[in-house]
Amino acid sequence: MALAIAKQMDPTPDLLIVELAALFHDVADKKYTKPTDPTLSQTLTPLLSPHLPQPKIDLILSIIPSVSYTSELSLTRATPTRWTWQQTCAELHAVQDADRLDAIGAVGVMRCAAYSSNVRRKLLVDDVDGESAEGHFEEKLLRVRDRMKSVPGREEAERRHQTMLDFLAALEGERERML
């Protein structure tokens, strides 16, 4: 998806950077790694250095930790002045938008339910304290559309956002009929 977005952007970003950053963007994700695992640079530099000049490797290594929604929020809150290159990096924008599009829409609904089940998070909001898959829509997923960077990303996010709203309306309708 990142390449499809990048190809529609004007001017077109470096497609090789987009492709590699998209492929490797979860390599050092805290959800999947342990503190003792090799760093992002230790993992990717040996793979990339025989094939790419150092400035391209450096860009990929800078893009990857900036991709996630949560990273962007925490980086912009903590150090807004250090977020400047990210505002203009078209390669980052293509990868971010693709990553965020994966989280929303019909597939996003399924991913949210699957992840919630995996981490033993409730599916539905209830009167008991705690997180739920349904609550995750309000906390994060319904906000994704407004953080898209590229025109093609924003257009697709609009469609997927509506899919989630329709799903939540159907969920609420079923809940009301059960009471």
Protein backbone atom coordinates (compact mmCIF):
# COMPACT_ATOMS: atom_id res chain seq x y z
CA MET A 1 0.00 0.00 0.00
CA ALA A 2 2.87 2.43 0.76
CA LEU A 3 4.14 2.11 -2.81
CA ALA A 4 0.65 2.64 -4.24
CA ILE A 5 0.29 5.81 -2.18
CA ALA A 6 3.79 7.03 -3.09
CA LYS A 7 3.18 6.53 -6.82
CA GLN A 8 0.15 8.84 -6.60
CA MET A 9 2.02 11.59 -4.75
CA ASP A 10 3.34 14.67 -6.53
CA PRO A 11 6.27 14.88 -6.56
CA THR A 12 6.89 11.15 -6.38
CA PRO A 13 9.06 10.21 -3.39
CA ASP A 14 12.01 7.81 -3.63
CA LEU A 15 10.14 4.54 -4.17
CA LEU A 16 13.00 2.33 -3.00
CA ILE A 17 13.15 4.20 0.32
CA VAL A 18 9.36 3.89 0.67
CA GLU A 19 9.41 0.18 -0.11
CA LEU A 20 12.25 -0.67 2.27
CA ALA A 21 10.92 1.50 5.11
CA ALA A 22 7.48 -0.08 4.68
CA LEU A 23 8.88 -3.61 4.65
CA PHE A 24 11.00 -3.07 7.75
CA HIS A 25 8.82 -0.65 9.74
CA ASP A 26 7.89 -3.23 12.40
CA VAL A 27 11.39 -4.71 12.82
CA ALA A 28 12.08 -2.88 16.08
CA ASP A 29 8.48 -2.44 17.24
CA LYS A 30 8.33 -2.63 21.04
CA LYS A 31 5.25 -4.86 20.82
CA TYR A 32 7.33 -7.58 19.18
CA THR A 33 10.85 -7.15 20.57
CA LYS A 34 12.68 -7.55 23.86
CA PRO A 35 15.22 -5.07 25.29
CA THR A 36 17.97 -7.62 24.60
CA ASP A 37 17.18 -7.82 20.87
CA PRO A 38 19.52 -6.08 18.40
CA THR A 39 18.72 -2.44 17.65
CA LEU A 40 17.15 -1.34 14.40
CA SER A 41 20.51 -0.16 13.10
CA GLN A 42 22.25 -3.38 14.15
CA THR A 43 19.62 -5.39 12.31
CA LEU A 44 19.25 -3.41 9.09
CA THR A 45 22.63 -1.82 8.39
CA PRO A 46 24.33 -5.14 7.52
CA LEU A 47 21.43 -5.99 5.20
CA LEU A 48 21.30 -2.63 3.45
CA SER A 49 24.91 -1.42 3.36
CA PRO A 50 26.06 -3.65 0.47
CA HIS A 51 23.25 -2.25 -1.68
CA LEU A 52 22.60 1.36 -0.68
CA PRO A 53 24.63 4.49 0.02
CA GLN A 54 24.79 5.53 3.68
CA PRO A 55 22.49 8.59 3.29
CA LYS A 56 19.66 6.33 2.06
CA ILE A 57 20.25 3.89 4.90
CA ASP A 58 20.21 6.79 7.35
CA LEU A 59 16.90 8.01 5.93
CA ILE A 60 15.34 4.55 6.24
CA LEU A 61 16.63 4.26 9.82
CA SER A 62 15.13 7.69 10.59
CA ILE A 63 11.77 6.93 8.97
CA ILE A 64 11.09 3.62 10.72
CA PRO A 65 10.85 4.89 14.33
CA SER A 66 8.69 7.79 13.13
CA VAL A 67 6.04 5.69 11.36
CA SER A 68 3.64 4.72 14.12
CA TYR A 69 0.74 6.85 15.23
CA THR A 70 1.85 6.57 18.86
CA SER A 71 5.44 7.55 18.02
CA GLU A 72 4.26 10.63 16.19
CA LEU A 73 2.05 11.70 19.08
CA SER A 74 4.75 11.20 21.70
CA LEU A 75 7.51 12.82 19.62
CA THR A 76 5.43 15.88 18.75
CA ARG A 77 4.36 16.36 22.37
CA ALA A 78 7.81 15.84 23.87
CA THR A 79 9.94 17.71 21.35
CA PRO A 80 7.84 19.61 18.79
CA THR A 81 10.90 21.37 17.35
CA ARG A 82 12.59 18.02 16.65
CA TRP A 83 9.64 16.90 14.50
CA THR A 84 10.51 19.27 11.66
CA TRP A 85 12.01 16.92 9.05
CA GLN A 86 9.08 14.55 9.51
CA GLN A 87 6.66 17.26 8.39
CA THR A 88 8.22 17.39 4.92
CA CYS A 89 9.46 13.83 4.31
CA ALA A 90 7.27 12.42 1.54
CA GLU A 91 8.72 8.93 1.99
CA LEU A 92 7.71 8.94 5.65
CA HIS A 93 4.24 10.22 4.76
CA ALA A 94 3.62 7.37 2.30
CA VAL A 95 4.72 4.74 4.85
CA GLN A 96 2.78 6.37 7.71
CA ASP A 97 -0.40 6.61 5.67
CA ALA A 98 -0.16 2.97 4.58
CA ASP A 99 0.47 1.83 8.15
CA ARG A 100 -2.50 3.83 9.41
CA LEU A 101 -4.79 2.64 6.64
CA ASP A 102 -4.05 -0.94 7.74
CA ALA A 103 -5.53 -0.06 11.13
CA ILE A 104 -8.86 1.32 9.90
CA GLY A 105 -11.79 0.23 7.75
CA ALA A 106 -13.14 -3.32 7.51
CA VAL A 107 -9.73 -4.94 7.88
CA GLY A 108 -8.99 -2.58 10.77
CA VAL A 109 -12.14 -3.76 12.56
CA MET A 110 -10.97 -7.35 12.20
CA ARG A 111 -7.41 -6.54 13.29
CA CYS A 112 -8.69 -4.68 16.35
CA ALA A 113 -10.82 -7.66 17.39
CA ALA A 114 -8.00 -10.15 16.74
CA TYR A 115 -5.42 -8.11 18.65
CA SER A 116 -7.86 -7.54 21.51
CA SER A 117 -8.44 -11.26 21.76
CA ASN A 118 -4.70 -11.94 21.71
CA VAL A 119 -4.03 -9.53 24.59
CA ARG A 120 -7.20 -10.59 26.43
CA ARG A 121 -8.87 -7.21 26.04
CA LYS A 122 -12.68 -7.15 26.16
CA LEU A 123 -14.48 -6.64 22.86
CA LEU A 124 -17.29 -4.42 24.12
CA VAL A 125 -17.40 -1.44 26.44
CA ASP A 126 -19.20 -2.24 29.68
CA ASP A 127 -19.65 -0.64 33.08
CA VAL A 128 -16.54 -2.32 34.47
CA ASP A 129 -13.29 -0.36 34.26
CA GLY A 130 -10.78 -1.41 31.65
CA GLU A 131 -9.95 -1.21 28.01
CA SER A 132 -12.01 -2.75 25.23
CA ALA A 133 -11.77 -3.17 21.48
CA GLU A 134 -14.85 -0.98 21.11
CA GLY A 135 -13.25 1.72 23.25
CA HIS A 136 -10.13 1.59 21.07
CA PHE A 137 -12.19 3.02 18.20
CA GLU A 138 -12.89 6.20 20.14
CA GLU A 139 -9.43 6.39 21.71
CA LYS A 140 -7.46 5.94 18.50
CA LEU A 141 -9.00 4.48 15.35
CA LEU A 142 -11.57 7.23 14.72
CA ARG A 143 -8.77 9.81 15.00
CA VAL A 144 -6.52 8.23 12.38
CA ARG A 145 -8.28 9.88 9.43
CA ASP A 146 -7.31 13.33 10.68
CA ARG A 147 -3.60 12.47 10.88
CA MET A 148 -3.15 11.32 7.29
CA LYS A 149 -0.45 13.16 5.37
CA SER A 150 -0.90 12.46 1.65
CA VAL A 151 -3.82 13.22 -0.65
CA PRO A 152 -4.29 9.56 -1.65
CA GLY A 153 -4.01 8.53 1.99
CA ARG A 154 -6.63 11.06 3.07
CA GLU A 155 -9.02 9.94 0.32
CA GLU A 156 -8.79 6.26 1.27
CA ALA A 157 -8.96 7.10 4.98
CA GLU A 158 -12.24 8.92 4.40
CA ARG A 159 -13.79 5.75 2.93
CA ARG A 160 -12.42 3.52 5.66
CA HIS A 161 -13.49 5.95 8.38
CA GLN A 162 -17.07 5.72 7.13
CA THR A 163 -16.85 1.92 7.21
CA MET A 164 -15.90 2.08 10.89
CA LEU A 165 -18.73 4.52 11.65
CA ASP A 166 -21.19 2.17 9.92
CA PHE A 167 -19.81 -0.76 11.93
CA LEU A 168 -20.13 1.10 15.23
CA ALA A 169 -23.69 2.16 14.35
CA ALA A 170 -24.58 -1.48 13.58
CA LEU A 171 -22.95 -2.57 16.84
CA GLU A 172 -24.96 -0.02 18.80
CA GLY A 173 -28.16 -1.10 17.03
CA GLU A 174 -27.56 -4.72 17.97
CA ARG A 175 -26.81 -3.76 21.56
CA GLU A 176 -30.06 -1.76 21.81
CA ARG A 177 -32.11 -4.66 20.44
CA MET A 178 -30.55 -6.99 23.02
CA LEU A 179 -31.68 -4.84 25.96
